[in-house]
N, C-alpha and C. Protein backbone atom coordinates (compact mmCIF):
# COMPACT_ATOMS: atom_id res chain seq x y z
N MET A 1 7.22 35.27 15.64
CA MET A 1 7.76 34.28 16.55
C MET A 1 6.62 33.70 17.37
N GLY A 2 6.66 32.41 17.59
CA GLY A 2 5.59 31.81 18.36
C GLY A 2 5.96 30.45 18.90
N VAL A 3 5.15 30.02 19.83
CA VAL A 3 5.36 28.73 20.48
C VAL A 3 4.07 27.95 20.41
N ARG A 4 4.18 26.67 20.08
CA ARG A 4 3.04 25.77 20.11
C ARG A 4 3.47 24.55 20.90
N GLU A 5 2.50 23.94 21.59
CA GLU A 5 2.82 22.79 22.42
C GLU A 5 1.71 21.76 22.33
N LEU A 6 2.10 20.50 22.35
CA LEU A 6 1.16 19.38 22.32
C LEU A 6 1.67 18.34 23.30
N THR A 7 0.78 17.84 24.15
CA THR A 7 1.13 16.76 25.07
C THR A 7 0.25 15.56 24.77
N VAL A 8 0.89 14.41 24.59
CA VAL A 8 0.17 13.17 24.27
C VAL A 8 0.79 12.04 25.07
N GLU A 9 0.07 10.92 25.14
CA GLU A 9 0.64 9.73 25.74
C GLU A 9 1.78 9.26 24.84
N ALA A 10 2.84 8.78 25.46
CA ALA A 10 4.02 8.32 24.71
C ALA A 10 3.73 6.94 24.11
N LYS A 11 2.90 6.93 23.08
CA LYS A 11 2.52 5.69 22.39
C LYS A 11 2.66 5.92 20.90
N THR A 12 3.18 4.91 20.20
CA THR A 12 3.38 5.06 18.76
C THR A 12 2.06 5.34 18.02
N GLU A 13 0.94 4.95 18.60
CA GLU A 13 -0.36 5.22 17.97
C GLU A 13 -0.62 6.72 17.85
N ASN A 14 0.10 7.53 18.62
CA ASN A 14 -0.11 8.98 18.59
C ASN A 14 0.82 9.69 17.61
N LEU A 15 1.64 8.93 16.89
CA LEU A 15 2.59 9.54 15.96
C LEU A 15 1.92 10.40 14.90
N SER A 16 0.82 9.92 14.32
CA SER A 16 0.16 10.70 13.26
C SER A 16 -0.36 12.03 13.80
N GLN A 17 -0.87 12.04 15.02
CA GLN A 17 -1.33 13.29 15.65
C GLN A 17 -0.16 14.24 15.87
N VAL A 18 0.96 13.71 16.32
CA VAL A 18 2.16 14.51 16.57
C VAL A 18 2.68 15.11 15.27
N LEU A 19 2.76 14.30 14.22
CA LEU A 19 3.26 14.79 12.94
C LEU A 19 2.30 15.81 12.31
N ALA A 20 1.00 15.61 12.46
CA ALA A 20 0.02 16.57 11.94
C ALA A 20 0.16 17.91 12.65
N PHE A 21 0.39 17.87 13.96
CA PHE A 21 0.61 19.08 14.76
C PHE A 21 1.83 19.84 14.23
N LEU A 22 2.93 19.13 14.02
CA LEU A 22 4.16 19.76 13.53
C LEU A 22 3.96 20.28 12.11
N GLU A 23 3.37 19.48 11.25
CA GLU A 23 3.17 19.88 9.86
C GLU A 23 2.36 21.17 9.76
N GLN A 24 1.31 21.26 10.55
CA GLN A 24 0.48 22.48 10.54
C GLN A 24 1.32 23.69 10.93
N ARG A 25 2.14 23.55 11.97
CA ARG A 25 2.97 24.66 12.44
C ARG A 25 4.01 25.04 11.39
N LEU A 26 4.64 24.06 10.76
CA LEU A 26 5.64 24.36 9.75
C LEU A 26 5.03 25.03 8.52
N GLU A 27 3.81 24.64 8.18
CA GLU A 27 3.12 25.30 7.07
C GLU A 27 2.80 26.74 7.41
N GLU A 28 2.38 27.01 8.66
CA GLU A 28 2.13 28.38 9.11
C GLU A 28 3.39 29.24 8.99
N LEU A 29 4.55 28.61 9.18
CA LEU A 29 5.83 29.32 9.12
C LEU A 29 6.36 29.41 7.69
N ASP A 30 5.62 28.86 6.73
CA ASP A 30 6.05 28.83 5.34
C ASP A 30 7.43 28.20 5.22
N CYS A 31 7.59 27.09 5.92
CA CYS A 31 8.85 26.36 5.97
C CYS A 31 9.14 25.74 4.60
N PRO A 32 10.37 25.89 4.10
CA PRO A 32 10.71 25.23 2.83
C PRO A 32 10.49 23.72 2.93
N MET A 33 10.07 23.09 1.82
CA MET A 33 9.70 21.68 1.83
C MET A 33 10.83 20.78 2.30
N LYS A 34 12.07 21.01 1.84
CA LYS A 34 13.18 20.15 2.25
C LYS A 34 13.37 20.21 3.77
N ALA A 35 13.37 21.42 4.32
CA ALA A 35 13.54 21.57 5.77
C ALA A 35 12.36 20.94 6.50
N GLN A 36 11.15 21.11 5.97
CA GLN A 36 9.96 20.52 6.60
C GLN A 36 10.10 19.00 6.68
N MET A 37 10.54 18.38 5.60
CA MET A 37 10.69 16.93 5.59
C MET A 37 11.75 16.49 6.60
N GLN A 38 12.84 17.25 6.71
CA GLN A 38 13.91 16.91 7.65
C GLN A 38 13.44 17.04 9.10
N VAL A 39 12.71 18.11 9.40
CA VAL A 39 12.22 18.32 10.77
C VAL A 39 11.19 17.25 11.13
N GLU A 40 10.31 16.93 10.19
CA GLU A 40 9.31 15.89 10.44
C GLU A 40 9.97 14.53 10.65
N MET A 41 10.99 14.21 9.87
CA MET A 41 11.71 12.95 10.04
C MET A 41 12.37 12.91 11.42
N ALA A 42 12.98 14.03 11.83
CA ALA A 42 13.64 14.08 13.13
C ALA A 42 12.63 13.87 14.25
N LEU A 43 11.48 14.54 14.16
CA LEU A 43 10.47 14.37 15.20
C LEU A 43 9.95 12.94 15.21
N GLU A 44 9.72 12.37 14.05
CA GLU A 44 9.24 10.98 13.99
C GLU A 44 10.23 10.04 14.67
N GLU A 45 11.51 10.17 14.35
CA GLU A 45 12.54 9.30 14.95
C GLU A 45 12.56 9.45 16.47
N MET A 46 12.57 10.68 16.94
CA MET A 46 12.72 10.91 18.37
C MET A 46 11.44 10.56 19.14
N PHE A 47 10.27 10.83 18.56
CA PHE A 47 9.02 10.47 19.22
C PHE A 47 8.89 8.96 19.35
N VAL A 48 9.21 8.25 18.28
CA VAL A 48 9.12 6.78 18.32
C VAL A 48 10.09 6.22 19.35
N ASN A 49 11.27 6.82 19.48
CA ASN A 49 12.21 6.38 20.52
C ASN A 49 11.62 6.55 21.91
N VAL A 50 11.03 7.71 22.16
CA VAL A 50 10.42 7.96 23.48
C VAL A 50 9.28 6.97 23.70
N ALA A 51 8.42 6.83 22.70
CA ALA A 51 7.26 5.94 22.83
C ALA A 51 7.69 4.49 23.03
N SER A 52 8.79 4.10 22.41
CA SER A 52 9.23 2.71 22.47
C SER A 52 10.05 2.38 23.71
N TYR A 53 10.79 3.36 24.24
CA TYR A 53 11.76 3.02 25.27
C TYR A 53 11.69 3.81 26.58
N ALA A 54 11.25 5.04 26.56
CA ALA A 54 11.36 5.92 27.73
C ALA A 54 10.72 5.32 28.99
N TYR A 55 9.59 4.68 28.81
CA TYR A 55 8.85 4.19 29.97
C TYR A 55 8.92 2.67 30.11
N LYS A 56 9.74 2.02 29.29
CA LYS A 56 9.76 0.56 29.29
C LYS A 56 11.12 -0.02 29.67
N ARG A 57 12.13 0.79 29.86
CA ARG A 57 13.48 0.28 30.17
C ARG A 57 13.53 -0.39 31.53
N ASP A 58 12.77 0.13 32.50
CA ASP A 58 12.77 -0.44 33.84
C ASP A 58 11.32 -0.77 34.21
N PRO A 59 10.90 -2.03 34.01
CA PRO A 59 9.50 -2.42 34.25
C PRO A 59 9.05 -2.22 35.70
N SER A 60 9.99 -2.15 36.65
CA SER A 60 9.60 -1.96 38.06
C SER A 60 9.43 -0.48 38.42
N ALA A 61 9.83 0.41 37.52
CA ALA A 61 9.76 1.85 37.82
C ALA A 61 8.32 2.35 37.75
N VAL A 62 8.04 3.32 38.59
CA VAL A 62 6.74 3.99 38.57
C VAL A 62 6.98 5.42 38.10
N TYR A 63 6.27 5.84 37.07
CA TYR A 63 6.47 7.16 36.49
C TYR A 63 5.31 8.06 36.86
N PRO A 64 5.57 9.38 37.02
CA PRO A 64 4.48 10.29 37.36
C PRO A 64 3.43 10.35 36.24
N SER A 65 3.87 10.16 35.01
CA SER A 65 2.96 10.07 33.87
C SER A 65 3.74 9.43 32.74
N GLU A 66 3.04 8.94 31.76
CA GLU A 66 3.71 8.38 30.58
C GLU A 66 3.37 9.26 29.38
N LEU A 67 3.66 10.54 29.55
CA LEU A 67 3.37 11.54 28.54
C LEU A 67 4.65 12.05 27.90
N VAL A 68 4.50 12.64 26.75
CA VAL A 68 5.59 13.37 26.09
C VAL A 68 4.99 14.68 25.59
N THR A 69 5.74 15.76 25.82
CA THR A 69 5.31 17.08 25.35
C THR A 69 6.21 17.49 24.20
N ILE A 70 5.57 17.93 23.12
CA ILE A 70 6.29 18.42 21.95
C ILE A 70 6.08 19.93 21.92
N HIS A 71 7.19 20.63 21.98
CA HIS A 71 7.21 22.10 22.05
C HIS A 71 7.86 22.58 20.75
N VAL A 72 7.15 23.39 19.97
CA VAL A 72 7.69 23.90 18.71
C VAL A 72 7.79 25.42 18.82
N GLU A 73 8.99 25.92 18.57
CA GLU A 73 9.22 27.36 18.68
C GLU A 73 10.00 27.84 17.46
N ASP A 74 9.60 29.00 16.94
CA ASP A 74 10.34 29.55 15.81
C ASP A 74 11.02 30.85 16.23
N THR A 75 12.11 31.16 15.54
CA THR A 75 12.83 32.40 15.79
C THR A 75 13.07 33.10 14.46
N GLU A 76 13.34 34.40 14.54
CA GLU A 76 13.56 35.18 13.33
C GLU A 76 15.03 35.39 12.99
N ASP A 77 15.91 35.44 13.99
CA ASP A 77 17.30 35.78 13.72
C ASP A 77 18.25 34.82 14.42
N PRO A 78 18.66 33.74 13.82
CA PRO A 78 18.34 33.37 12.44
C PRO A 78 16.95 32.74 12.36
N ARG A 79 16.38 32.77 11.18
CA ARG A 79 15.07 32.15 10.99
C ARG A 79 15.23 30.65 11.17
N SER A 80 14.57 30.13 12.18
CA SER A 80 14.71 28.71 12.49
C SER A 80 13.49 28.19 13.22
N VAL A 81 13.44 26.88 13.35
CA VAL A 81 12.40 26.23 14.14
C VAL A 81 13.11 25.24 15.08
N ALA A 82 12.69 25.25 16.33
CA ALA A 82 13.23 24.32 17.32
C ALA A 82 12.10 23.45 17.83
N VAL A 83 12.38 22.15 17.93
CA VAL A 83 11.41 21.19 18.45
C VAL A 83 12.03 20.57 19.69
N THR A 84 11.27 20.58 20.79
CA THR A 84 11.74 19.99 22.04
C THR A 84 10.77 18.91 22.47
N LEU A 85 11.31 17.75 22.80
CA LEU A 85 10.51 16.65 23.36
C LEU A 85 10.89 16.53 24.83
N THR A 86 9.88 16.50 25.69
CA THR A 86 10.10 16.36 27.12
C THR A 86 9.29 15.19 27.63
N ASP A 87 9.97 14.30 28.37
CA ASP A 87 9.26 13.16 28.96
C ASP A 87 9.84 12.90 30.34
N CYS A 88 9.11 12.12 31.14
CA CYS A 88 9.51 11.79 32.51
C CYS A 88 10.01 10.36 32.62
N GLY A 89 10.41 9.79 31.50
CA GLY A 89 10.87 8.40 31.50
C GLY A 89 12.28 8.26 32.03
N MET A 90 12.83 7.07 31.82
CA MET A 90 14.20 6.77 32.26
C MET A 90 15.16 7.76 31.63
N PRO A 91 16.13 8.27 32.41
CA PRO A 91 17.13 9.16 31.82
C PRO A 91 17.87 8.45 30.69
N PHE A 92 17.95 9.11 29.54
CA PHE A 92 18.63 8.53 28.39
C PHE A 92 19.09 9.64 27.47
N ASP A 93 20.40 9.76 27.30
CA ASP A 93 20.98 10.76 26.42
C ASP A 93 21.33 10.11 25.09
N PRO A 94 20.51 10.30 24.07
CA PRO A 94 20.79 9.66 22.78
C PRO A 94 22.06 10.20 22.12
N LEU A 95 22.50 11.39 22.52
CA LEU A 95 23.68 11.98 21.91
C LEU A 95 24.97 11.31 22.37
N LYS A 96 24.90 10.55 23.46
CA LYS A 96 26.08 9.84 23.95
C LYS A 96 26.24 8.46 23.31
N GLN A 97 25.27 8.09 22.48
CA GLN A 97 25.35 6.79 21.83
C GLN A 97 26.39 6.85 20.72
N GLU A 98 27.11 5.77 20.55
CA GLU A 98 28.13 5.70 19.51
C GLU A 98 27.45 5.78 18.14
N GLU A 99 28.06 6.54 17.23
CA GLU A 99 27.50 6.65 15.89
C GLU A 99 27.65 5.31 15.17
N PRO A 100 26.64 4.93 14.39
CA PRO A 100 26.73 3.66 13.68
C PRO A 100 27.80 3.74 12.59
N ASP A 101 28.41 2.61 12.28
CA ASP A 101 29.39 2.55 11.21
C ASP A 101 28.63 2.39 9.90
N ILE A 102 28.42 3.51 9.22
CA ILE A 102 27.60 3.46 8.00
C ILE A 102 28.37 2.91 6.80
N THR A 103 29.65 2.56 7.01
CA THR A 103 30.40 1.93 5.93
C THR A 103 30.06 0.44 5.83
N LEU A 104 29.47 -0.10 6.91
CA LEU A 104 29.08 -1.51 6.90
C LEU A 104 27.75 -1.69 6.18
N SER A 105 27.51 -2.88 5.68
CA SER A 105 26.22 -3.17 5.06
C SER A 105 25.15 -3.25 6.14
N ALA A 106 23.90 -3.17 5.74
CA ALA A 106 22.79 -3.22 6.70
C ALA A 106 22.83 -4.52 7.51
N GLN A 107 23.26 -5.61 6.88
CA GLN A 107 23.33 -6.90 7.58
C GLN A 107 24.45 -6.91 8.63
N GLU A 108 25.52 -6.19 8.39
CA GLU A 108 26.68 -6.19 9.29
C GLU A 108 26.54 -5.19 10.44
N ARG A 109 25.73 -4.17 10.23
CA ARG A 109 25.59 -3.11 11.24
C ARG A 109 24.76 -3.58 12.41
N GLN A 110 25.08 -3.06 13.60
CA GLN A 110 24.26 -3.36 14.77
C GLN A 110 22.93 -2.62 14.65
N ILE A 111 21.90 -3.17 15.26
CA ILE A 111 20.59 -2.56 15.23
C ILE A 111 20.59 -1.31 16.10
N GLY A 112 19.92 -0.27 15.64
CA GLY A 112 19.77 0.94 16.44
C GLY A 112 20.84 1.98 16.16
N GLY A 113 20.53 3.21 16.54
CA GLY A 113 21.48 4.30 16.43
C GLY A 113 21.39 5.09 15.15
N LEU A 114 20.75 4.56 14.13
CA LEU A 114 20.69 5.26 12.85
C LEU A 114 19.78 6.48 12.93
N GLY A 115 18.70 6.40 13.70
CA GLY A 115 17.75 7.52 13.81
C GLY A 115 18.40 8.77 14.37
N ILE A 116 19.09 8.67 15.50
CA ILE A 116 19.73 9.85 16.09
C ILE A 116 20.87 10.32 15.19
N PHE A 117 21.54 9.41 14.50
CA PHE A 117 22.58 9.77 13.55
C PHE A 117 21.99 10.67 12.45
N LEU A 118 20.85 10.26 11.90
CA LEU A 118 20.20 11.05 10.85
C LEU A 118 19.73 12.41 11.38
N VAL A 119 19.22 12.42 12.61
CA VAL A 119 18.78 13.68 13.22
C VAL A 119 19.98 14.61 13.37
N ARG A 120 21.09 14.10 13.87
CA ARG A 120 22.29 14.93 14.05
C ARG A 120 22.79 15.48 12.72
N LYS A 121 22.74 14.68 11.67
CA LYS A 121 23.25 15.11 10.37
C LYS A 121 22.31 16.10 9.67
N SER A 122 21.02 16.00 9.91
CA SER A 122 20.07 16.85 9.19
C SER A 122 19.67 18.12 9.93
N MET A 123 19.92 18.18 11.24
CA MET A 123 19.57 19.37 12.02
C MET A 123 20.81 20.25 12.22
N ASP A 124 20.58 21.53 12.49
CA ASP A 124 21.69 22.45 12.71
C ASP A 124 22.19 22.43 14.15
N HIS A 125 21.36 21.96 15.06
CA HIS A 125 21.77 21.90 16.46
C HIS A 125 20.90 20.85 17.16
N VAL A 126 21.53 20.01 17.98
CA VAL A 126 20.80 19.00 18.76
C VAL A 126 21.41 19.00 20.15
N GLU A 127 20.54 19.04 21.17
CA GLU A 127 21.06 18.98 22.54
C GLU A 127 20.12 18.18 23.43
N TYR A 128 20.69 17.62 24.49
CA TYR A 128 19.93 16.83 25.46
C TYR A 128 20.31 17.28 26.86
N GLU A 129 19.33 17.30 27.74
CA GLU A 129 19.62 17.47 29.16
C GLU A 129 18.60 16.68 29.97
N HIS A 130 19.02 16.26 31.16
CA HIS A 130 18.11 15.61 32.10
C HIS A 130 18.00 16.57 33.27
N LYS A 131 16.79 17.11 33.47
CA LYS A 131 16.61 18.14 34.48
C LYS A 131 15.27 17.94 35.18
N ASP A 132 15.28 18.04 36.50
CA ASP A 132 14.06 17.91 37.30
C ASP A 132 13.30 16.61 36.98
N GLY A 133 14.06 15.52 36.77
CA GLY A 133 13.45 14.22 36.49
C GLY A 133 12.90 14.08 35.08
N LYS A 134 13.31 14.97 34.18
CA LYS A 134 12.78 14.93 32.81
C LYS A 134 13.90 14.84 31.79
N ASN A 135 13.63 14.08 30.74
CA ASN A 135 14.49 14.07 29.55
C ASN A 135 14.04 15.22 28.67
N ILE A 136 14.98 16.04 28.23
CA ILE A 136 14.66 17.18 27.38
C ILE A 136 15.59 17.13 26.17
N LEU A 137 15.03 16.83 25.01
CA LEU A 137 15.80 16.75 23.78
C LEU A 137 15.30 17.84 22.84
N THR A 138 16.23 18.67 22.38
CA THR A 138 15.88 19.76 21.48
C THR A 138 16.69 19.66 20.20
N PHE A 139 16.02 19.85 19.06
CA PHE A 139 16.74 19.95 17.81
C PHE A 139 16.23 21.19 17.07
N ARG A 140 17.16 21.86 16.38
CA ARG A 140 16.87 23.12 15.70
C ARG A 140 17.30 23.01 14.24
N LYS A 141 16.44 23.55 13.37
CA LYS A 141 16.73 23.60 11.95
C LYS A 141 16.63 25.05 11.49
N ASN A 142 17.73 25.55 10.90
CA ASN A 142 17.70 26.89 10.32
C ASN A 142 16.93 26.84 9.01
N LEU A 143 16.07 27.82 8.82
CA LEU A 143 15.26 27.86 7.61
C LEU A 143 15.82 28.87 6.64
């Protein structure tokens, strides 16, 4: 069991660094390839959301920092990996967003919402809380 953490500026340019950090940890855990791809996709979706929106929703707001921390923790019983993203941006609970109507064609569907939908469907547990001025989003995948 172990914990790894990485803090970077919430910018899409840092996505490759974030994914490399996660990939290394998942390889250390001998994570099955399918689960690894799902966890990496979930982190990519959620990191890009933070980088794109957390600090830009209110242009007049002043933030203590424009950072995001990625916390990766594994457990043995059940064998799983949990990824937590923490940022100090605008409070935003992605789990309260309405699920997209996937029966509609891409042209008919509203923009947005598909990323968190995919994360919810591919992870075993997803939760959000806003605490001490921070957004904390955690998703867990059983291995």
